[in-house]
Protein backbone atom coordinates (compact mmCIF):
# COMPACT_ATOMS: atom_id res chain seq x y z
CA MET A 1 5.86 -20.72 0.27
CA ALA A 2 6.45 -19.37 3.76
CA VAL A 3 10.14 -18.88 3.00
CA PHE A 4 9.28 -17.27 -0.33
CA ALA A 5 6.67 -14.99 1.25
CA PHE A 6 9.33 -13.91 3.75
CA GLY A 7 10.97 -11.87 1.01
CA VAL A 8 7.71 -10.64 -0.51
CA VAL A 9 6.29 -9.35 2.79
CA VAL A 10 9.41 -8.28 4.69
CA ALA A 11 11.13 -6.42 1.83
CA PRO A 12 8.52 -3.63 1.39
CA VAL A 13 8.21 -3.41 5.16
CA LEU A 14 11.93 -2.80 5.69
CA GLY A 15 12.11 -0.52 2.65
CA PRO A 16 11.15 2.69 4.53
CA THR A 17 14.03 2.16 6.99
CA LEU A 18 16.64 1.65 4.29
CA GLY A 19 15.13 4.40 2.15
CA GLY A 20 15.12 6.77 5.12
CA TRP A 21 18.77 6.06 5.84
CA LEU A 22 19.73 6.63 2.21
CA THR A 23 17.71 9.86 2.11
CA ASP A 24 19.24 11.29 5.29
CA THR A 25 22.79 10.09 4.59
CA TYR A 26 23.03 10.78 0.86
CA SER A 27 20.00 11.94 -1.12
CA TRP A 28 16.46 10.80 -1.93
CA ARG A 29 17.77 9.92 -5.39
CA TYR A 30 19.70 7.00 -3.92
CA ALA A 31 16.41 5.33 -3.02
CA PHE A 32 16.13 4.87 -6.80
CA TYR A 33 19.81 4.35 -7.64
CA ILE A 34 19.91 1.36 -5.30
CA ASN A 35 17.77 -0.53 -7.81
CA ILE A 36 20.69 -0.61 -10.28
CA PRO A 37 23.03 -2.99 -8.35
CA ILE A 38 20.06 -4.95 -7.00
CA GLY A 39 18.66 -5.33 -10.52
CA ILE A 40 22.02 -6.56 -11.84
CA LEU A 41 22.26 -9.06 -8.96
CA ALA A 42 18.72 -10.26 -9.68
CA ILE A 43 19.53 -10.83 -13.37
CA VAL A 44 22.62 -12.87 -12.45
CA MET A 45 20.72 -15.00 -9.93
CA ILE A 46 17.79 -15.55 -12.31
CA SER A 47 20.11 -16.74 -15.09
CA ARG A 48 21.86 -19.13 -12.70
CA PHE A 49 19.15 -20.48 -10.43
CA VAL A 50 15.73 -20.05 -12.08
CA HIS A 51 14.72 -22.74 -14.60
CA ASP A 52 11.45 -23.36 -16.40
CA PRO A 53 9.45 -26.46 -15.45
CA PRO A 54 9.11 -29.15 -18.16
CA HIS A 55 5.57 -28.13 -19.16
CA ILE A 56 6.92 -24.68 -20.07
CA SER A 57 10.39 -25.50 -21.43
CA LYS A 58 9.00 -28.21 -23.74
CA ALA A 59 5.90 -26.29 -24.78
CA LYS A 60 5.46 -24.87 -28.26
CA VAL A 61 5.93 -21.12 -27.98
CA ALA A 62 3.40 -18.97 -29.83
CA ALA A 63 4.36 -15.78 -31.64
CA PHE A 64 4.90 -12.79 -29.38
CA ASP A 65 1.68 -10.83 -28.83
CA ARG A 66 2.84 -7.36 -29.88
CA TYR A 67 -0.60 -5.74 -29.79
CA GLY A 68 -1.49 -7.07 -26.35
CA PHE A 69 1.92 -6.05 -25.00
CA ALA A 70 1.58 -2.55 -26.48
CA ALA A 71 -1.88 -2.14 -24.93
CA LEU A 72 -0.54 -3.37 -21.59
CA ILE A 73 2.28 -0.81 -21.66
CA ILE A 74 -0.07 2.05 -22.56
CA TRP A 75 -2.74 1.46 -19.92
CA THR A 76 -0.36 0.61 -17.07
CA GLY A 77 1.90 3.55 -17.99
CA CYS A 78 -1.02 5.98 -18.17
CA LEU A 79 -2.40 4.63 -14.91
CA GLN A 80 0.91 5.14 -13.12
CA VAL A 81 1.38 8.68 -14.44
CA VAL A 82 -2.19 9.67 -13.55
CA LEU A 83 -1.84 8.22 -10.04
CA ASP A 84 1.52 9.93 -9.47
CA LYS A 85 0.58 13.37 -10.83
CA GLY A 86 -3.19 13.46 -10.28
CA GLN A 87 -3.25 15.17 -6.90
CA GLU A 88 -0.43 17.50 -7.89
CA ASP A 89 -2.30 18.73 -11.00
CA ASP A 90 -5.84 18.69 -9.53
CA TRP A 91 -6.90 15.45 -11.23
CA PHE A 92 -9.51 16.08 -13.94
CA GLY A 93 -8.94 19.80 -13.64
CA ALA A 94 -5.89 19.27 -15.87
CA ILE A 95 -6.55 18.68 -19.57
CA TRP A 96 -3.56 16.37 -19.98
CA ILE A 97 -4.90 14.08 -17.24
CA ARG A 98 -8.20 13.80 -19.08
CA TRP A 99 -6.35 12.71 -22.20
CA ALA A 100 -4.23 10.28 -20.17
CA VAL A 101 -7.38 8.76 -18.68
CA PHE A 102 -8.90 8.52 -22.17
CA PHE A 103 -5.91 6.54 -23.47
CA LEU A 104 -5.90 4.51 -20.24
CA VAL A 105 -9.55 3.46 -20.64
CA ALA A 106 -9.30 2.87 -24.39
CA SER A 107 -6.16 0.71 -24.13
CA LEU A 108 -7.53 -1.19 -21.13
CA ILE A 109 -10.77 -2.03 -22.97
CA TYR A 110 -8.81 -3.17 -26.03
CA PHE A 111 -6.42 -5.19 -23.81
CA CYS A 112 -9.29 -7.01 -22.07
CA TRP A 113 -11.12 -7.65 -25.36
CA HIS A 114 -7.97 -8.83 -27.11
CA CYS A 115 -6.78 -11.09 -24.27
CA TRP A 116 -10.25 -12.63 -23.85
CA ARG A 117 -10.73 -13.29 -27.58
CA ASP A 118 -7.25 -14.25 -28.79
CA LYS A 119 -6.00 -17.73 -27.93
CA ASP A 120 -2.32 -16.73 -27.96
CA ALA A 121 -2.67 -13.36 -26.20
CA ILE A 122 0.01 -12.18 -23.81
CA VAL A 123 -2.36 -12.83 -20.89
CA ASP A 124 -5.15 -15.40 -20.80
CA LEU A 125 -7.94 -13.58 -18.96
CA LYS A 126 -10.18 -16.65 -19.12
CA VAL A 127 -8.39 -17.89 -16.04
CA LEU A 128 -10.66 -15.42 -14.19
CA LYS A 129 -13.55 -17.82 -14.82
CA ASP A 130 -12.23 -19.80 -11.85
CA ARG A 131 -14.06 -18.44 -8.81
CA ASN A 132 -11.20 -18.87 -6.36
CA PHE A 133 -8.71 -17.17 -8.63
CA ARG A 134 -11.14 -14.34 -9.40
CA LEU A 135 -11.81 -13.69 -5.70
CA GLY A 136 -8.13 -14.20 -4.88
CA SER A 137 -7.22 -11.50 -7.40
CA ILE A 138 -9.72 -9.13 -5.79
CA LEU A 139 -8.31 -9.89 -2.35
CA ILE A 140 -4.68 -9.45 -3.42
CA PHE A 141 -5.68 -6.13 -5.02
CA MET A 142 -7.23 -4.97 -1.74
CA PHE A 143 -4.26 -6.38 0.16
CA GLY A 144 -1.96 -4.26 -2.04
CA VAL A 145 -4.08 -1.19 -1.29
CA GLY A 146 -3.91 -1.88 2.45
CA ILE A 147 -0.26 -2.81 2.96
CA TYR A 148 1.30 -0.23 0.63
CA SER A 149 -0.94 2.55 1.94
CA THR A 150 -0.03 1.72 5.54
CA VAL A 151 3.67 1.40 4.74
CA THR A 152 3.52 4.84 3.09
CA VAL A 153 1.20 6.73 5.45
CA LEU A 154 2.66 5.74 8.83
CA PRO A 155 6.20 7.07 8.16
CA LEU A 156 4.61 10.26 6.78
CA PHE A 157 2.76 10.68 10.07
CA TYR A 158 6.01 10.49 12.01
CA GLN A 159 7.81 12.89 9.65
CA GLU A 160 5.15 15.52 8.93
CA LEU A 161 3.51 15.79 12.34
CA LEU A 162 6.13 14.62 14.83
CA GLY A 163 9.23 16.00 13.09
CA TYR A 164 11.10 12.71 12.71
CA THR A 165 13.84 12.38 10.12
CA ALA A 166 13.29 9.92 7.28
CA PHE A 167 15.61 7.39 8.96
CA THR A 168 14.07 7.62 12.44
CA ALA A 169 10.59 7.35 10.91
CA GLY A 170 11.77 4.20 9.12
CA LEU A 171 13.11 2.82 12.40
CA ALA A 172 9.79 3.52 14.12
CA VAL A 173 7.91 1.33 11.63
CA ALA A 174 10.64 -1.32 11.23
CA PRO A 175 9.16 -3.65 13.90
CA ARG A 176 6.55 -4.63 11.31
CA GLY A 177 9.31 -6.61 9.61
CA ILE A 178 10.16 -8.37 12.88
CA GLY A 179 6.51 -9.35 13.26
CA ALA A 180 6.49 -10.76 9.72
CA VAL A 181 9.67 -12.75 10.42
CA CYS A 182 8.06 -14.22 13.53
CA GLY A 183 4.89 -15.09 11.65
CA MET A 184 6.50 -16.92 8.73
CA PRO A 185 7.48 -20.13 10.61
CA VAL A 186 4.01 -20.24 12.14
CA ILE A 187 2.23 -19.89 8.81
CA GLY A 188 4.63 -22.39 7.24
CA TYR A 189 3.48 -24.95 9.82
CA LEU A 190 -0.24 -24.10 9.80
CA SER A 191 -0.63 -23.83 6.01
CA ASN A 192 -0.38 -27.62 5.73
CA LYS A 193 -2.97 -28.24 8.43
CA VAL A 194 -5.56 -25.43 8.44
CA ASP A 195 -8.13 -24.27 5.88
CA PRO A 196 -6.62 -21.16 4.18
CA ARG A 197 -9.87 -19.27 4.76
CA TYR A 198 -9.37 -19.38 8.54
CA LEU A 199 -5.79 -18.14 8.17
CA LEU A 200 -6.89 -15.34 5.84
CA THR A 201 -9.64 -14.34 8.25
CA PHE A 202 -7.14 -14.11 11.09
CA GLY A 203 -4.65 -12.15 8.95
CA PHE A 204 -7.10 -9.58 7.59
CA PHE A 205 -8.91 -9.23 10.92
CA THR A 206 -5.63 -8.66 12.79
CA PHE A 207 -4.47 -6.16 10.19
CA GLY A 208 -7.83 -4.38 10.43
CA LEU A 209 -7.75 -4.16 14.24
CA THR A 210 -4.22 -2.79 14.36
CA THR A 211 -4.98 -0.26 11.61
CA LEU A 212 -8.07 0.77 13.55
CA TYR A 213 -5.80 1.27 16.58
CA PHE A 214 -3.61 3.56 14.45
CA GLY A 215 -6.77 5.65 14.00
CA ASN A 216 -6.46 6.70 17.67
CA VAL A 217 -3.07 8.40 17.28
CA THR A 218 -2.44 11.82 18.77
CA LEU A 219 0.38 14.34 18.57
CA ASP A 220 1.62 13.25 21.98
CA ILE A 221 2.72 9.69 21.13
CA SER A 222 6.29 8.55 21.78
CA PRO A 223 8.49 6.51 19.40
CA THR A 224 7.43 3.31 21.20
CA THR A 225 3.70 3.99 21.58
CA LEU A 226 2.84 2.12 18.38
CA LEU A 227 5.61 -0.48 18.76
CA LEU A 228 3.32 -3.38 19.72
CA PRO A 229 0.55 -2.73 17.15
CA ILE A 230 3.16 -2.29 14.40
CA LEU A 231 4.73 -5.60 15.46
CA ILE A 232 1.32 -7.30 15.44
CA THR A 233 0.56 -5.83 12.01
CA GLY A 234 3.61 -7.56 10.56
CA PHE A 235 2.60 -10.82 12.22
CA GLY A 236 -0.90 -10.54 10.77
CA LEU A 237 0.41 -9.80 7.27
CA SER A 238 2.26 -13.11 7.22
CA PHE A 239 -1.14 -14.81 7.57
CA VAL A 240 -2.39 -13.19 4.36
CA PHE A 241 0.11 -13.70 1.57
CA VAL A 242 0.68 -17.47 1.74
CA PRO A 243 -2.97 -18.52 2.34
CA ILE A 244 -4.27 -16.13 -0.31
CA SER A 245 -1.90 -17.69 -2.85
CA THR A 246 -2.94 -21.18 -1.77
CA ALA A 247 -6.62 -20.34 -2.12
CA ALA A 248 -6.24 -18.50 -5.43
CA TYR A 249 -4.18 -21.15 -7.20
CA GLY A 250 -5.60 -24.16 -5.39
CA THR A 251 -8.36 -24.87 -7.94
CA LEU A 252 -6.29 -24.17 -11.08
CA ASP A 253 -4.60 -26.62 -13.38
CA THR A 254 -0.79 -26.63 -13.18
CA LYS A 255 -0.47 -25.31 -16.75
CA GLN A 256 -2.65 -22.30 -15.88
CA ILE A 257 -0.56 -21.18 -12.93
CA GLY A 258 2.23 -19.43 -14.87
CA ASN A 259 -0.27 -17.21 -16.67
CA ALA A 260 -2.35 -16.73 -13.52
CA SER A 261 0.73 -15.75 -11.51
CA GLY A 262 1.49 -12.77 -13.75
CA LEU A 263 -2.09 -11.54 -13.55
CA PHE A 264 -2.25 -12.15 -9.79
CA ASN A 265 0.83 -10.09 -9.05
CA LEU A 266 -0.19 -7.38 -11.50
CA MET A 267 -3.34 -6.94 -9.42
CA ARG A 268 -1.27 -6.64 -6.24
CA ASN A 269 1.05 -4.02 -7.71
CA ILE A 270 -1.81 -2.02 -9.21
CA GLY A 271 -3.57 -2.17 -5.85
CA GLY A 272 -0.45 -0.78 -4.21
CA SER A 273 -0.17 2.08 -6.70
CA ILE A 274 -3.84 2.98 -6.40
CA GLY A 275 -3.73 2.68 -2.61
CA ILE A 276 -0.77 5.04 -2.26
CA SER A 277 -2.37 7.58 -4.62
CA ILE A 278 -5.73 7.45 -2.83
CA ALA A 279 -4.09 7.74 0.59
CA SER A 280 -2.01 10.74 -0.50
CA THR A 281 -5.05 12.44 -2.02
CA LEU A 282 -7.18 11.78 1.06
CA LEU A 283 -4.52 13.20 3.36
CA THR A 284 -4.59 16.47 1.41
CA ARG A 285 -8.33 16.69 0.86
CA ARG A 286 -9.39 15.56 4.33
CA ALA A 287 -6.94 17.98 5.95
CA ASP A 288 -8.72 20.84 4.16
CA VAL A 289 -12.12 19.49 5.26
CA HIS A 290 -11.08 19.19 8.90
CA GLN A 291 -9.48 22.62 8.85
CA ASN A 292 -12.79 24.13 7.76
CA LEU A 293 -14.65 22.14 10.42
CA ILE A 294 -12.30 23.33 13.15
CA ILE A 295 -12.56 26.94 11.99
CA ASN A 296 -16.36 26.72 11.99
CA SER A 297 -16.43 25.21 15.47
CA VAL A 298 -13.86 27.67 16.87
CA PRO A 299 -14.60 31.03 15.13
CA ARG A 300 -12.05 33.82 15.33
CA THR A 301 -14.57 36.02 17.09
CA GLY A 302 -15.26 33.37 19.74
CA GLN A 303 -14.02 33.64 23.29
CA GLN A 304 -11.96 30.43 23.06
CA PHE A 305 -9.94 31.67 20.09
CA GLN A 306 -9.48 35.14 21.60
CA ASN A 307 -8.20 33.63 24.85
CA SER A 308 -5.71 31.42 22.96
CA LEU A 309 -4.59 34.36 20.84
CA GLY A 310 -4.14 36.53 23.92
CA SER A 311 -2.09 33.87 25.69
CA MET A 312 0.11 33.30 22.66
CA THR A 313 0.58 37.05 22.11
CA GLN A 314 1.63 37.46 25.71
CA PHE A 315 4.02 34.52 25.42
CA LEU A 316 5.68 36.03 22.31
CA THR A 317 5.82 39.60 23.64
CA ASN A 318 9.24 39.10 25.17
CA PRO A 319 11.08 37.93 22.00
CA TYR A 320 9.13 40.05 19.49
CA GLY A 321 7.99 43.06 21.51
CA GLN A 322 4.42 44.04 22.37
CA ALA A 323 3.79 45.86 19.08
CA ASN A 324 4.98 42.96 16.91
CA ALA A 325 3.77 39.91 18.82
CA ALA A 326 0.26 39.70 17.30
CA ASP A 327 1.30 38.49 13.85
CA PRO A 328 3.59 35.64 14.97
CA ALA A 329 0.95 34.67 17.56
CA GLN A 330 -1.68 34.27 14.82
CA ALA A 331 0.84 32.40 12.64
CA SER A 332 1.55 30.01 15.50
CA LEU A 333 -2.16 29.33 16.05
CA TYR A 334 -2.62 28.75 12.32
CA GLN A 335 0.26 26.27 12.38
CA GLN A 336 -1.41 24.41 15.25
CA LEU A 337 -4.66 24.43 13.28
CA GLY A 338 -2.90 22.86 10.30
CA ARG A 339 -1.32 20.16 12.46
CA GLN A 340 -4.62 19.25 14.08
CA ALA A 341 -6.39 19.13 10.71
CA THR A 342 -3.65 16.95 9.23
CA LEU A 343 -3.81 14.66 12.27
CA TRP A 344 -7.51 14.06 11.67
CA ALA A 345 -6.78 13.37 8.00
CA PHE A 346 -4.37 10.60 9.05
CA VAL A 347 -7.01 9.26 11.43
CA ASP A 348 -9.53 9.12 8.57
CA VAL A 349 -7.13 7.22 6.31
CA PHE A 350 -6.27 4.67 9.00
CA ARG A 351 -9.91 4.05 9.81
CA TRP A 352 -10.88 3.63 6.17
CA LEU A 353 -8.01 1.17 5.66
CA SER A 354 -9.31 -0.73 8.66
CA LEU A 355 -12.77 -0.89 7.09
CA LEU A 356 -11.20 -2.22 3.88
CA CYS A 357 -9.59 -5.07 5.83
CA PHE A 358 -12.91 -6.02 7.46
CA VAL A 359 -14.55 -6.08 4.01
CA CYS A 360 -11.83 -8.52 2.92
CA VAL A 361 -12.79 -10.83 5.80
CA GLY A 362 -16.28 -11.10 4.32
CA ILE A 363 -14.96 -11.78 0.78
CA VAL A 364 -12.71 -14.56 2.07
CA TRP A 365 -15.69 -16.77 2.87
CA PHE A 366 -16.89 -16.75 -0.74
CA LEU A 367 -13.78 -18.77 -1.63
CA LYS A 368 -14.15 -22.50 -2.22
CA LYS A 369 -12.46 -24.73 0.31
CA VAL A 370 -8.98 -25.79 -0.79
CA LYS A 371 -7.27 -28.83 0.64
CA PRO A 372 -4.49 -27.67 3.02
CA GLY A 373 -1.00 -28.46 1.83
CA LYS A 374 -1.63 -28.17 -1.92
CA PRO A 375 1.45 -26.32 -3.21
CA PRO A 376 0.55 -22.95 -4.77
CA ALA A 377 3.29 -23.13 -7.39
CA GLY A 378 4.30 -19.98 -9.19
CA ALA A 379 2.79 -17.71 -6.56
CA HIS A 380 4.88 -14.74 -7.55
């Protein structure tokens, strides 16, 4: 599981570096085109190396659940479109988003009702009756929110506020992958000896502390200022994925794990999508809030603003001339205002993500104790 989790945790961590290089060297489109050869390679490897266990290969296969599959496509598709375009089109201010949300809710309700009632549904939701799996699904959802939001927001901070290129921003956050690599052998050893709840507590608490540290960023940081906390974040993440799988699947029957695995990872991916959308929306909305707060605390008629405007006008008199320096001076101050407001928006997002991690620590202790070493088969 530790070796398997190596790919699950390290891949999305190293993604920003590779994506940044592709964006700077070729085009942002290649961050999507790269999925074509990788997808072909995955299909070849699956056909050659992945085989069903006996309880699946010898099982009687029920008829394909067309209605459940159609409902699944509709609600996940509507969810993704709404999350991707919501902030751009002012959420419920757009009529088409209201309709998309209507179809999302209707298809989700039908999907849940159908999968709970029908014995041969595409997903057996009754597996959620198991307390550990139910709480594990909640935790993996929140884990998806936390890790994908952080992976998205931190490179944006470097690019939007510090002027890094996409590649250099990716390099700045790459040490998280090194931390995860270092943590995998440790978790592989401890997972057979330590209660998963202790490991999860350490992982979420470490992730929360480092994210809280990110909430102290300023515009004066260097490329290496956050090196150690980013490294520690990756190390802490390795203490989440394996134990959370062990705890979630540890009380299930072997025949339930295949079905539970699909639902478990759906929750993680949905958490990631929702987390990225919420983080992006908060960055925009909180920047506007902080800009208004700064304007109210430093009014244009105040002495502090007039002194700054006078200094900037004097500084720009030489290149623009005395008669023309006022406008670029005000534009420069407005630009600084926008940067400061955006900085505080990033601070808010980091601190709220930290709070989410600390909430996860509390949820962990509602899990039943699972015997260390029980293999969480089918954890992806």
